[in-house]
Amino acid sequence: NTRQPGCTNVCFDHFFPVSHIRLWALQLILVTCPSLLVI
């Protein structure tokens, strides 16, 4: 509820430092790699 330039971006970065989607993508990659090592 403000038009101050940069405020929205700063607040979004503070409350969402890393997106859920990117964290889940990294998690799925790391958690499936050991199975490929077995193969």
Full PDB file with SEQRES, HELIX, SHEET, SSBOND, CRYST1, ORIGX, SCALE, CONECT and MASTER records, all heavy atoms in Angstrom:
SEQRES   1 A   39  ASN THR ARG GLN PRO GLY CYS THR ASN VAL CYS PHE ASP          
SEQRES   2 A   39  HIS PHE PHE PRO VAL SER HIS ILE ARG LEU TRP ALA LEU          
SEQRES   3 A   39  GLN LEU ILE LEU VAL THR CYS PRO SER LEU LEU VAL ILE          
HELIX    1 AA1 CYS A    7  PHE A   15  1                                   9    
HELIX    2 AA2 HIS A   20  VAL A   38  1                                  19    
CRYST1    1.000    1.000    1.000  90.00  90.00  90.00 P 1           1          
ORIGX1      1.000000  0.000000  0.000000        0.00000                         
ORIGX2      0.000000  1.000000  0.000000        0.00000                         
ORIGX3      0.000000  0.000000  1.000000        0.00000                         
SCALE1      1.000000  0.000000  0.000000        0.00000                         
SCALE2      0.000000  1.000000  0.000000        0.00000                         
SCALE3      0.000000  0.000000  1.000000        0.00000                         
ATOM      1  N   ASN A   1       0.828  -1.214   0.000  1.00  0.00           N  
ATOM      2  CA  ASN A   1       0.000   0.000   0.000  1.00  0.00           C  
ATOM      3  C   ASN A   1       0.864   1.266   0.000  1.00  0.00           C  
ATOM      4  O   ASN A   1       0.725   2.147   0.849  1.00  0.00           O  
ATOM      5  CB  ASN A   1      -0.958   0.002   1.197  1.00  0.00           C  
ATOM      6  CG  ASN A   1      -0.214  -0.064   2.527  1.00  0.00           C  
ATOM      7  OD1 ASN A   1       1.002  -0.248   2.547  1.00  0.00           O  
ATOM      8  ND2 ASN A   1      -0.951   0.089   3.616  1.00  0.00           N  
ATOM      9  N   THR A   2       1.792   1.294  -0.962  1.00  0.00           N  
ATOM     10  CA  THR A   2       2.623   2.489  -1.147  1.00  0.00           C  
ATOM     11  C   THR A   2       3.108   2.521  -2.586  1.00  0.00           C  
ATOM     12  O   THR A   2       3.226   1.472  -3.229  1.00  0.00           O  
ATOM     13  CB  THR A   2       3.834   2.487  -0.198  1.00  0.00           C  
ATOM     14  OG1 THR A   2       4.593   3.679  -0.401  1.00  0.00           O  
ATOM     15  CG2 THR A   2       4.729   1.300  -0.449  1.00  0.00           C  
ATOM     16  N   ARG A   3       3.394   3.725  -3.057  1.00  0.00           N  
ATOM     17  CA  ARG A   3       3.951   3.890  -4.402  1.00  0.00           C  
ATOM     18  C   ARG A   3       5.431   4.288  -4.355  1.00  0.00           C  
ATOM     19  O   ARG A   3       5.990   4.690  -5.370  1.00  0.00           O  
ATOM     20  CB  ARG A   3       3.149   4.927  -5.185  1.00  0.00           C  
ATOM     21  CG  ARG A   3       1.722   4.493  -5.480  1.00  0.00           C  
ATOM     22  CD  ARG A   3       1.025   5.504  -6.379  1.00  0.00           C  
ATOM     23  NE  ARG A   3      -0.343   5.092  -6.684  1.00  0.00           N  
ATOM     24  CZ  ARG A   3      -0.674   4.294  -7.690  1.00  0.00           C  
ATOM     25  NH1 ARG A   3       0.272   3.829  -8.488  1.00  0.00           N  
ATOM     26  NH2 ARG A   3      -1.935   3.972  -7.897  1.00  0.00           N  
ATOM     27  N   GLN A   4       6.036   4.173  -3.205  1.00  0.00           N  
ATOM     28  CA  GLN A   4       7.450   4.505  -3.074  1.00  0.00           C  
ATOM     29  C   GLN A   4       8.283   3.586  -3.964  1.00  0.00           C  
ATOM     30  O   GLN A   4       8.217   2.364  -3.837  1.00  0.00           O  
ATOM     31  CB  GLN A   4       7.885   4.354  -1.618  1.00  0.00           C  
ATOM     32  CG  GLN A   4       9.346   4.617  -1.369  1.00  0.00           C  
ATOM     33  CD  GLN A   4       9.718   6.090  -1.560  1.00  0.00           C  
ATOM     34  OE1 GLN A   4       8.874   6.951  -1.356  1.00  0.00           O  
ATOM     35  NE2 GLN A   4      10.947   6.348  -1.940  1.00  0.00           N  
ATOM     36  N   PRO A   5       9.070   4.132  -4.882  1.00  0.00           N  
ATOM     37  CA  PRO A   5       9.876   3.285  -5.779  1.00  0.00           C  
ATOM     38  C   PRO A   5      10.843   2.396  -5.001  1.00  0.00           C  
ATOM     39  O   PRO A   5      11.545   2.855  -4.097  1.00  0.00           O  
ATOM     40  CB  PRO A   5      10.629   4.306  -6.646  1.00  0.00           C  
ATOM     41  CG  PRO A   5       9.810   5.551  -6.576  1.00  0.00           C  
ATOM     42  CD  PRO A   5       9.210   5.561  -5.202  1.00  0.00           C  
ATOM     43  N   GLY A   6      10.857   1.134  -5.352  1.00  0.00           N  
ATOM     44  CA  GLY A   6      11.772   0.177  -4.733  1.00  0.00           C  
ATOM     45  C   GLY A   6      11.257  -0.491  -3.484  1.00  0.00           C  
ATOM     46  O   GLY A   6      11.792  -1.528  -3.083  1.00  0.00           O  
ATOM     47  N   CYS A   7      10.228   0.053  -2.856  1.00  0.00           N  
ATOM     48  CA  CYS A   7       9.736  -0.517  -1.602  1.00  0.00           C  
ATOM     49  C   CYS A   7       9.179  -1.923  -1.815  1.00  0.00           C  
ATOM     50  O   CYS A   7       9.484  -2.844  -1.053  1.00  0.00           O  
ATOM     51  CB  CYS A   7       8.680   0.397  -0.985  1.00  0.00           C  
ATOM     52  SG  CYS A   7       7.982  -0.232   0.570  1.00  0.00           S  
ATOM     53  N   THR A   8       8.368  -2.102  -2.850  1.00  0.00           N  
ATOM     54  CA  THR A   8       7.764  -3.415  -3.105  1.00  0.00           C  
ATOM     55  C   THR A   8       8.824  -4.467  -3.378  1.00  0.00           C  
ATOM     56  O   THR A   8       8.757  -5.590  -2.864  1.00  0.00           O  
ATOM     57  CB  THR A   8       6.781  -3.320  -4.284  1.00  0.00           C  
ATOM     58  OG1 THR A   8       5.759  -2.382  -3.969  1.00  0.00           O  
ATOM     59  CG2 THR A   8       6.145  -4.678  -4.561  1.00  0.00           C  
ATOM     60  N   ASN A   9       9.833  -4.110  -4.179  1.00  0.00           N  
ATOM     61  CA  ASN A   9      10.892  -5.072  -4.498  1.00  0.00           C  
ATOM     62  C   ASN A   9      11.694  -5.463  -3.260  1.00  0.00           C  
ATOM     63  O   ASN A   9      12.038  -6.639  -3.061  1.00  0.00           O  
ATOM     64  CB  ASN A   9      11.833  -4.481  -5.558  1.00  0.00           C  
ATOM     65  CG  ASN A   9      11.182  -4.416  -6.918  1.00  0.00           C  
ATOM     66  OD1 ASN A   9      10.267  -5.172  -7.217  1.00  0.00           O  
ATOM     67  ND2 ASN A   9      11.649  -3.499  -7.747  1.00  0.00           N  
ATOM     68  N   VAL A  10      12.004  -4.488  -2.417  1.00  0.00           N  
ATOM     69  CA  VAL A  10      12.771  -4.776  -1.205  1.00  0.00           C  
ATOM     70  C   VAL A  10      11.974  -5.662  -0.254  1.00  0.00           C  
ATOM     71  O   VAL A  10      12.513  -6.619   0.324  1.00  0.00           O  
ATOM     72  CB  VAL A  10      13.185  -3.459  -0.518  1.00  0.00           C  
ATOM     73  CG1 VAL A  10      13.753  -3.731   0.870  1.00  0.00           C  
ATOM     74  CG2 VAL A  10      14.206  -2.707  -1.360  1.00  0.00           C  
ATOM     75  N   CYS A  11      10.693  -5.362  -0.081  1.00  0.00           N  
ATOM     76  CA  CYS A  11       9.851  -6.164   0.813  1.00  0.00           C  
ATOM     77  C   CYS A  11       9.663  -7.578   0.276  1.00  0.00           C  
ATOM     78  O   CYS A  11       9.691  -8.554   1.040  1.00  0.00           O  
ATOM     79  CB  CYS A  11       8.496  -5.482   1.004  1.00  0.00           C  
ATOM     80  SG  CYS A  11       8.582  -3.908   1.897  1.00  0.00           S  
ATOM     81  N   PHE A  12       9.489  -7.702  -1.031  1.00  0.00           N  
ATOM     82  CA  PHE A  12       9.339  -9.037  -1.618  1.00  0.00           C  
ATOM     83  C   PHE A  12      10.606  -9.866  -1.424  1.00  0.00           C  
ATOM     84  O   PHE A  12      10.546 -11.051  -1.088  1.00  0.00           O  
ATOM     85  CB  PHE A  12       9.009  -8.914  -3.108  1.00  0.00           C  
ATOM     86  CG  PHE A  12       8.797 -10.235  -3.785  1.00  0.00           C  
ATOM     87  CD1 PHE A  12       7.571 -10.873  -3.726  1.00  0.00           C  
ATOM     88  CD2 PHE A  12       9.837 -10.856  -4.471  1.00  0.00           C  
ATOM     89  CE1 PHE A  12       7.372 -12.098  -4.343  1.00  0.00           C  
ATOM     90  CE2 PHE A  12       9.651 -12.075  -5.085  1.00  0.00           C  
ATOM     91  CZ  PHE A  12       8.412 -12.698  -5.024  1.00  0.00           C  
ATOM     92  N   ASP A  13      11.761  -9.250  -1.624  1.00  0.00           N  
ATOM     93  CA  ASP A  13      13.023  -9.961  -1.455  1.00  0.00           C  
ATOM     94  C   ASP A  13      13.235 -10.356   0.006  1.00  0.00           C  
ATOM     95  O   ASP A  13      13.827 -11.405   0.289  1.00  0.00           O  
ATOM     96  CB  ASP A  13      14.170  -9.073  -1.933  1.00  0.00           C  
ATOM     97  CG  ASP A  13      15.516  -9.757  -1.803  1.00  0.00           C  
ATOM     98  OD1 ASP A  13      15.769 -10.716  -2.557  1.00  0.00           O  
ATOM     99  OD2 ASP A  13      16.307  -9.345  -0.934  1.00  0.00           O  
ATOM    100  N   HIS A  14      12.733  -9.541   0.933  1.00  0.00           N  
ATOM    101  CA  HIS A  14      12.899  -9.849   2.356  1.00  0.00           C  
ATOM    102  C   HIS A  14      12.031 -11.033   2.771  1.00  0.00           C  
ATOM    103  O   HIS A  14      12.494 -11.914   3.519  1.00  0.00           O  
ATOM    104  CB  HIS A  14      12.546  -8.624   3.193  1.00  0.00           C  
ATOM    105  CG  HIS A  14      12.619  -8.859   4.668  1.00  0.00           C  
ATOM    106  ND1 HIS A  14      13.805  -9.022   5.346  1.00  0.00           N  
ATOM    107  CD2 HIS A  14      11.632  -8.966   5.616  1.00  0.00           C  
ATOM    108  CE1 HIS A  14      13.559  -9.221   6.628  1.00  0.00           C  
ATOM    109  NE2 HIS A  14      12.255  -9.190   6.808  1.00  0.00           N  
ATOM    110  N   PHE A  15      10.796 -11.059   2.329  1.00  0.00           N  
ATOM    111  CA  PHE A  15       9.872 -12.116   2.752  1.00  0.00           C  
ATOM    112  C   PHE A  15       9.957 -13.359   1.868  1.00  0.00           C  
ATOM    113  O   PHE A  15       9.539 -14.436   2.286  1.00  0.00           O  
ATOM    114  CB  PHE A  15       8.436 -11.593   2.767  1.00  0.00           C  
ATOM    115  CG  PHE A  15       8.180 -10.620   3.872  1.00  0.00           C  
ATOM    116  CD1 PHE A  15       8.095  -9.261   3.618  1.00  0.00           C  
ATOM    117  CD2 PHE A  15       8.049 -11.046   5.181  1.00  0.00           C  
ATOM    118  CE1 PHE A  15       7.866  -8.355   4.633  1.00  0.00           C  
ATOM    119  CE2 PHE A  15       7.832 -10.153   6.213  1.00  0.00           C  
ATOM    120  CZ  PHE A  15       7.742  -8.797   5.941  1.00  0.00           C  
ATOM    121  N   PHE A  16      10.486 -13.246   0.658  1.00  0.00           N  
ATOM    122  CA  PHE A  16      10.661 -14.388  -0.242  1.00  0.00           C  
ATOM    123  C   PHE A  16      12.109 -14.402  -0.727  1.00  0.00           C  
ATOM    124  O   PHE A  16      12.381 -14.120  -1.901  1.00  0.00           O  
ATOM    125  CB  PHE A  16       9.704 -14.303  -1.438  1.00  0.00           C  
ATOM    126  CG  PHE A  16       8.263 -14.422  -1.071  1.00  0.00           C  
ATOM    127  CD1 PHE A  16       7.513 -13.282  -0.817  1.00  0.00           C  
ATOM    128  CD2 PHE A  16       7.661 -15.657  -0.965  1.00  0.00           C  
ATOM    129  CE1 PHE A  16       6.176 -13.386  -0.475  1.00  0.00           C  
ATOM    130  CE2 PHE A  16       6.326 -15.763  -0.617  1.00  0.00           C  
ATOM    131  CZ  PHE A  16       5.573 -14.628  -0.368  1.00  0.00           C  
ATOM    132  N   PRO A  17      13.071 -14.711   0.160  1.00  0.00           N  
ATOM    133  CA  PRO A  17      14.486 -14.687  -0.251  1.00  0.00           C  
ATOM    134  C   PRO A  17      14.795 -15.671  -1.370  1.00  0.00           C  
ATOM    135  O   PRO A  17      15.635 -15.405  -2.226  1.00  0.00           O  
ATOM    136  CB  PRO A  17      15.240 -15.037   1.033  1.00  0.00           C  
ATOM    137  CG  PRO A  17      14.223 -15.723   1.897  1.00  0.00           C  
ATOM    138  CD  PRO A  17      12.905 -15.127   1.554  1.00  0.00           C  
ATOM    139  N   VAL A  18      14.130 -16.823  -1.353  1.00  0.00           N  
ATOM    140  CA  VAL A  18      14.268 -17.811  -2.424  1.00  0.00           C  
ATOM    141  C   VAL A  18      12.881 -18.344  -2.738  1.00  0.00           C  
ATOM    142  O   VAL A  18      12.111 -18.672  -1.831  1.00  0.00           O  
ATOM    143  CB  VAL A  18      15.192 -18.976  -2.027  1.00  0.00           C  
ATOM    144  CG1 VAL A  18      15.362 -19.945  -3.196  1.00  0.00           C  
ATOM    145  CG2 VAL A  18      16.555 -18.466  -1.575  1.00  0.00           C  
ATOM    146  N   SER A  19      12.561 -18.428  -4.002  1.00  0.00           N  
ATOM    147  CA  SER A  19      11.245 -18.908  -4.410  1.00  0.00           C  
ATOM    148  C   SER A  19      11.056 -20.375  -4.028  1.00  0.00           C  
ATOM    149  O   SER A  19      11.993 -21.183  -4.086  1.00  0.00           O  
ATOM    150  CB  SER A  19      11.076 -18.736  -5.918  1.00  0.00           C  
ATOM    151  OG  SER A  19       9.911 -19.383  -6.375  1.00  0.00           O  
ATOM    152  N   HIS A  20       9.827 -20.717  -3.641  1.00  0.00           N  
ATOM    153  CA  HIS A  20       9.491 -22.120  -3.371  1.00  0.00           C  
ATOM    154  C   HIS A  20       9.835 -22.990  -4.577  1.00  0.00           C  
ATOM    155  O   HIS A  20      10.377 -24.093  -4.424  1.00  0.00           O  
ATOM    156  CB  HIS A  20       7.995 -22.253  -3.064  1.00  0.00           C  
ATOM    157  CG  HIS A  20       7.597 -21.758  -1.711  1.00  0.00           C  
ATOM    158  ND1 HIS A  20       7.617 -20.433  -1.372  1.00  0.00           N  
ATOM    159  CD2 HIS A  20       7.156 -22.420  -0.608  1.00  0.00           C  
ATOM    160  CE1 HIS A  20       7.203 -20.283  -0.121  1.00  0.00           C  
ATOM    161  NE2 HIS A  20       6.922 -21.472   0.374  1.00  0.00           N  
ATOM    162  N   ILE A  21       9.493 -22.516  -5.757  1.00  0.00           N  
ATOM    163  CA  ILE A  21       9.675 -23.306  -6.966  1.00  0.00           C  
ATOM    164  C   ILE A  21      11.149 -23.639  -7.184  1.00  0.00           C  
ATOM    165  O   ILE A  21      11.511 -24.781  -7.496  1.00  0.00           O  
ATOM    166  CB  ILE A  21       9.105 -22.540  -8.181  1.00  0.00           C  
ATOM    167  CG1 ILE A  21       7.580 -22.432  -8.079  1.00  0.00           C  
ATOM    168  CG2 ILE A  21       9.488 -23.227  -9.485  1.00  0.00           C  
ATOM    169  CD1 ILE A  21       6.881 -23.776  -8.080  1.00  0.00           C  
ATOM    170  N   ARG A  22      12.016 -22.653  -7.024  1.00  0.00           N  
ATOM    171  CA  ARG A  22      13.441 -22.895  -7.244  1.00  0.00           C  
ATOM    172  C   ARG A  22      14.027 -23.804  -6.160  1.00  0.00           C  
ATOM    173  O   ARG A  22      14.890 -24.639  -6.441  1.00  0.00           O  
ATOM    174  CB  ARG A  22      14.182 -21.565  -7.297  1.00  0.00           C  
ATOM    175  CG  ARG A  22      13.823 -20.752  -8.538  1.00  0.00           C  
ATOM    176  CD  ARG A  22      14.474 -19.384  -8.534  1.00  0.00           C  
ATOM    177  NE  ARG A  22      14.119 -18.617  -9.709  1.00  0.00           N  
ATOM    178  CZ  ARG A  22      13.011 -17.886  -9.840  1.00  0.00           C  
ATOM    179  NH1 ARG A  22      12.154 -17.837  -8.825  1.00  0.00           N  
ATOM    180  NH2 ARG A  22      12.756 -17.230 -10.946  1.00  0.00           N  
ATOM    181  N   LEU A  23      13.557 -23.648  -4.929  1.00  0.00           N  
ATOM    182  CA  LEU A  23      14.019 -24.545  -3.869  1.00  0.00           C  
ATOM    183  C   LEU A  23      13.575 -25.980  -4.128  1.00  0.00           C  
ATOM    184  O   LEU A  23      14.360 -26.924  -3.951  1.00  0.00           O  
ATOM    185  CB  LEU A  23      13.486 -24.068  -2.515  1.00  0.00           C  
ATOM    186  CG  LEU A  23      14.281 -22.980  -1.801  1.00  0.00           C  
ATOM    187  CD1 LEU A  23      13.563 -22.559  -0.526  1.00  0.00           C  
ATOM    188  CD2 LEU A  23      15.688 -23.453  -1.474  1.00  0.00           C  
ATOM    189  N   TRP A  24      12.324 -26.163  -4.552  1.00  0.00           N  
ATOM    190  CA  TRP A  24      11.837 -27.515  -4.852  1.00  0.00           C  
ATOM    191  C   TRP A  24      12.584 -28.115  -6.033  1.00  0.00           C  
ATOM    192  O   TRP A  24      12.882 -29.310  -6.036  1.00  0.00           O  
ATOM    193  CB  TRP A  24      10.334 -27.477  -5.131  1.00  0.00           C  
ATOM    194  CG  TRP A  24       9.513 -27.436  -3.888  1.00  0.00           C  
ATOM    195  CD1 TRP A  24       9.820 -27.984  -2.674  1.00  0.00           C  
ATOM    196  CD2 TRP A  24       8.237 -26.811  -3.719  1.00  0.00           C  
ATOM    197  NE1 TRP A  24       8.817 -27.735  -1.770  1.00  0.00           N  
ATOM    198  CE2 TRP A  24       7.824 -27.017  -2.378  1.00  0.00           C  
ATOM    199  CE3 TRP A  24       7.394 -26.099  -4.573  1.00  0.00           C  
ATOM    200  CZ2 TRP A  24       6.624 -26.539  -1.883  1.00  0.00           C  
ATOM    201  CZ3 TRP A  24       6.190 -25.621  -4.072  1.00  0.00           C  
ATOM    202  CH2 TRP A  24       5.810 -25.846  -2.747  1.00  0.00           C  
ATOM    203  N   ALA A  25      12.876 -27.307  -7.053  1.00  0.00           N  
ATOM    204  CA  ALA A  25      13.621 -27.815  -8.208  1.00  0.00           C  
ATOM    205  C   ALA A  25      15.003 -28.303  -7.779  1.00  0.00           C  
ATOM    206  O   ALA A  25      15.445 -29.400  -8.155  1.00  0.00           O  
ATOM    207  CB  ALA A  25      13.737 -26.725  -9.273  1.00  0.00           C  
ATOM    208  N   LEU A  26      15.702 -27.499  -6.974  1.00  0.00           N  
ATOM    209  CA  LEU A  26      17.020 -27.902  -6.481  1.00  0.00           C  
ATOM    210  C   LEU A  26      16.922 -29.143  -5.606  1.00  0.00           C  
ATOM    211  O   LEU A  26      17.758 -30.055  -5.691  1.00  0.00           O  
ATOM    212  CB  LEU A  26      17.647 -26.743  -5.706  1.00  0.00           C  
ATOM    213  CG  LEU A  26      19.050 -26.985  -5.140  1.00  0.00           C  
ATOM    214  CD1 LEU A  26      20.036 -27.280  -6.255  1.00  0.00           C  
ATOM    215  CD2 LEU A  26      19.511 -25.776  -4.323  1.00  0.00           C  
ATOM    216  N   GLN A  27      15.893 -29.216  -4.780  1.00  0.00           N  
ATOM    217  CA  GLN A  27      15.708 -30.372  -3.909  1.00  0.00           C  
ATOM    218  C   GLN A  27      15.478 -31.643  -4.722  1.00  0.00           C  
ATOM    219  O   GLN A  27      16.074 -32.695  -4.444  1.00  0.00           O  
ATOM    220  CB  GLN A  27      14.524 -30.121  -2.975  1.00  0.00           C  
ATOM    221  CG  GLN A  27      14.257 -31.263  -2.005  1.00  0.00           C  
ATOM    222  CD  GLN A  27      13.047 -30.981  -1.129  1.00  0.00           C  
ATOM    223  OE1 GLN A  27      12.344 -29.987  -1.321  1.00  0.00           O  
ATOM    224  NE2 GLN A  27      12.797 -31.847  -0.165  1.00  0.00           N  
ATOM    225  N   LEU A  28      14.624 -31.577  -5.743  1.00  0.00           N  
ATOM    226  CA  LEU A  28      14.342 -32.757  -6.570  1.00  0.00           C  
ATOM    227  C   LEU A  28      15.582 -33.212  -7.323  1.00  0.00           C  
ATOM    228  O   LEU A  28      15.811 -34.414  -7.490  1.00  0.00           O  
ATOM    229  CB  LEU A  28      13.204 -32.446  -7.543  1.00  0.00           C  
ATOM    230  CG  LEU A  28      11.810 -32.331  -6.915  1.00  0.00           C  
ATOM    231  CD1 LEU A  28      10.808 -31.821  -7.938  1.00  0.00           C  
ATOM    232  CD2 LEU A  28      11.360 -33.682  -6.363  1.00  0.00           C  
ATOM    233  N   ILE A  29      16.390 -32.257  -7.791  1.00  0.00           N  
ATOM    234  CA  ILE A  29      17.619 -32.627  -8.503  1.00  0.00           C  
ATOM    235  C   ILE A  29      18.577 -33.354  -7.565  1.00  0.00           C  
ATOM    236  O   ILE A  29      19.115 -34.425  -7.896  1.00  0.00           O  
ATOM    237  CB  ILE A  29      18.282 -31.373  -9.103  1.00  0.00           C  
ATOM    238  CG1 ILE A  29      17.432 -30.822 -10.251  1.00  0.00           C  
ATOM    239  CG2 ILE A  29      19.682 -31.693  -9.600  1.00  0.00           C  
ATOM    240  CD1 ILE A  29      17.896 -29.474 -10.754  1.00  0.00           C  
ATOM    241  N   LEU A  30      18.790 -32.782  -6.376  1.00  0.00           N  
ATOM    242  CA  LEU A  30      19.747 -33.374  -5.441  1.00  0.00           C  
ATOM    243  C   LEU A  30      19.263 -34.716  -4.901  1.00  0.00           C  
ATOM    244  O   LEU A  30      20.077 -35.620  -4.656  1.00  0.00           O  
ATOM    245  CB  LEU A  30      20.004 -32.406  -4.280  1.00  0.00           C  
ATOM    246  CG  LEU A  30      20.752 -31.120  -4.624  1.00  0.00           C  
ATOM    247  CD1 LEU A  30      20.879 -30.238  -3.391  1.00  0.00           C  
ATOM    248  CD2 LEU A  30      22.127 -31.425  -5.192  1.00  0.00           C  
ATOM    249  N   VAL A  31      17.960 -34.862  -4.715  1.00  0.00           N  
ATOM    250  CA  VAL A  31      17.447 -36.073  -4.082  1.00  0.00           C  
ATOM    251  C   VAL A  31      17.385 -37.248  -5.063  1.00  0.00           C  
ATOM    252  O   VAL A  31      17.322 -38.410  -4.637  1.00  0.00           O  
ATOM    253  CB  VAL A  31      16.059 -35.797  -3.458  1.00  0.00           C  
ATOM    254  CG1 VAL A  31      14.926 -35.983  -4.470  1.00  0.00           C  
ATOM    255  CG2 VAL A  31      15.820 -36.702  -2.255  1.00  0.00           C  
ATOM    256  N   THR A  32      17.397 -36.973  -6.363  1.00  0.00           N  
ATOM    257  CA  THR A  32      17.352 -38.057  -7.349  1.00  0.00           C  
ATOM    258  C   THR A  32      18.735 -38.443  -7.867  1.00  0.00           C  
ATOM    259  O   THR A  32      18.886 -39.527  -8.438  1.00  0.00           O  
ATOM    260  CB  THR A  32      16.471 -37.667  -8.547  1.00  0.00           C  
ATOM    261  OG1 THR A  32      16.890 -36.390  -9.044  1.00  0.00           O  
ATOM    262  CG2 THR A  32      15.008 -37.586  -8.140  1.00  0.00           C  
ATOM    263  N   CYS A  33      19.742 -37.599  -7.656  1.00  0.00           N  
ATOM    264  CA  CYS A  33      21.089 -37.911  -8.147  1.00  0.00           C  
ATOM    265  C   CYS A  33      21.669 -39.199  -7.551  1.00  0.00           C  
ATOM    266  O   CYS A  33      22.305 -39.974  -8.274  1.00  0.00           O  
ATOM    267  CB  CYS A  33      22.031 -36.736  -7.881  1.00  0.00           C  
ATOM    268  SG  CYS A  33      21.825 -35.377  -9.050  1.00  0.00           S  
ATOM    269  N   PRO A  34      21.516 -39.483  -6.245  1.00  0.00           N  
ATOM    270  CA  PRO A  34      22.093 -40.725  -5.701  1.00  0.00           C  
ATOM    271  C   PRO A  34      21.564 -41.989  -6.372  1.00  0.00           C  
ATOM    272  O   PRO A  34      22.315 -42.958  -6.520  1.00  0.00           O  
ATOM    273  CB  PRO A  34      21.679 -40.671  -4.220  1.00  0.00           C  
ATOM    274  CG  PRO A  34      21.525 -39.229  -3.923  1.00  0.00           C  
ATOM    275  CD  PRO A  34      20.965 -38.631  -5.170  1.00  0.00           C  
ATOM    276  N   SER A  35      20.296 -41.995  -6.791  1.00  0.00           N  
ATOM    277  CA  SER A  35      19.763 -43.165  -7.484  1.00  0.00           C  
ATOM    278  C   SER A  35      20.464 -43.380  -8.818  1.00  0.00           C  
ATOM    279  O   SER A  35      20.705 -44.516  -9.242  1.00  0.00           O  
ATOM    280  CB  SER A  35      18.252 -43.001  -7.709  1.00  0.00           C  
ATOM    281  OG  SER A  35      17.567 -42.908  -6.475  1.00  0.00           O  
ATOM    282  N   LEU A  36      20.811 -42.278  -9.488  1.00  0.00           N  
ATOM    283  CA  LEU A  36      21.548 -42.393 -10.747  1.00  0.00           C  
ATOM    284  C   LEU A  36      22.958 -42.911 -10.509  1.00  0.00           C  
ATOM    285  O   LEU A  36      23.512 -43.629 -11.348  1.00  0.00           O  
ATOM    286  CB  LEU A  36      21.594 -41.028 -11.442  1.00  0.00           C  
ATOM    287  CG  LEU A  36      20.233 -40.390 -11.751  1.00  0.00           C  
ATOM    288  CD1 LEU A  36      20.423 -39.075 -12.489  1.00  0.00           C  
ATOM    289  CD2 LEU A  36      19.380 -41.343 -12.582  1.00  0.00           C  
ATOM    290  N   LEU A  37      23.559 -42.580  -9.359  1.00  0.00           N  
ATOM    291  CA  LEU A  37      24.881 -43.105  -9.034  1.00  0.00           C  
ATOM    292  C   LEU A  37      24.850 -44.625  -8.867  1.00  0.00           C  
ATOM    293  O   LEU A  37      25.796 -45.317  -9.245  1.00  0.00           O  
ATOM    294  CB  LEU A  37      25.410 -42.457  -7.754  1.00  0.00           C  
ATOM    295  CG  LEU A  37      25.795 -40.980  -7.854  1.00  0.00           C  
ATOM    296  CD1 LEU A  37      26.227 -40.449  -6.494  1.00  0.00           C  
ATOM    297  CD2 LEU A  37      26.907 -40.775  -8.871  1.00  0.00           C  
ATOM    298  N   VAL A  38      23.754 -45.149  -8.307  1.00  0.00           N  
ATOM    299  CA  VAL A  38      23.607 -46.600  -8.179  1.00  0.00           C  
ATOM    300  C   VAL A  38      23.568 -47.244  -9.558  1.00  0.00           C  
ATOM    301  O   VAL A  38      24.215 -48.271  -9.813  1.00  0.00           O  
ATOM    302  CB  VAL A  38      22.342 -46.943  -7.369  1.00  0.00           C  
ATOM    303  CG1 VAL A  38      22.091 -48.447  -7.370  1.00  0.00           C  
ATOM    304  CG2 VAL A  38      22.463 -46.436  -5.939  1.00  0.00           C  
ATOM    305  N   ILE A  39      22.803 -46.648 -10.485  1.00  0.00           N  
ATOM    306  CA  ILE A  39      22.730 -47.179 -11.849  1.00  0.00           C  
ATOM    307  C   ILE A  39      24.101 -47.143 -12.513  1.00  0.00           C  
ATOM    308  O   ILE A  39      24.511 -48.095 -13.206  1.00  0.00           O  
ATOM    309  CB  ILE A  39      21.701 -46.376 -12.675  1.00  0.00           C  
ATOM    310  CG1 ILE A  39      20.314 -46.525 -12.067  1.00  0.00           C  
ATOM    311  CG2 ILE A  39      21.687 -46.839 -14.124  1.00  0.00           C  
ATOM    312  CD1 ILE A  39      19.267 -45.682 -12.763  1.00  0.00           C  
TER     313      ILE A  39                                                      
MASTER        0    0    0    2    0    0    0    6  312    1    0    3          
END                                                                             
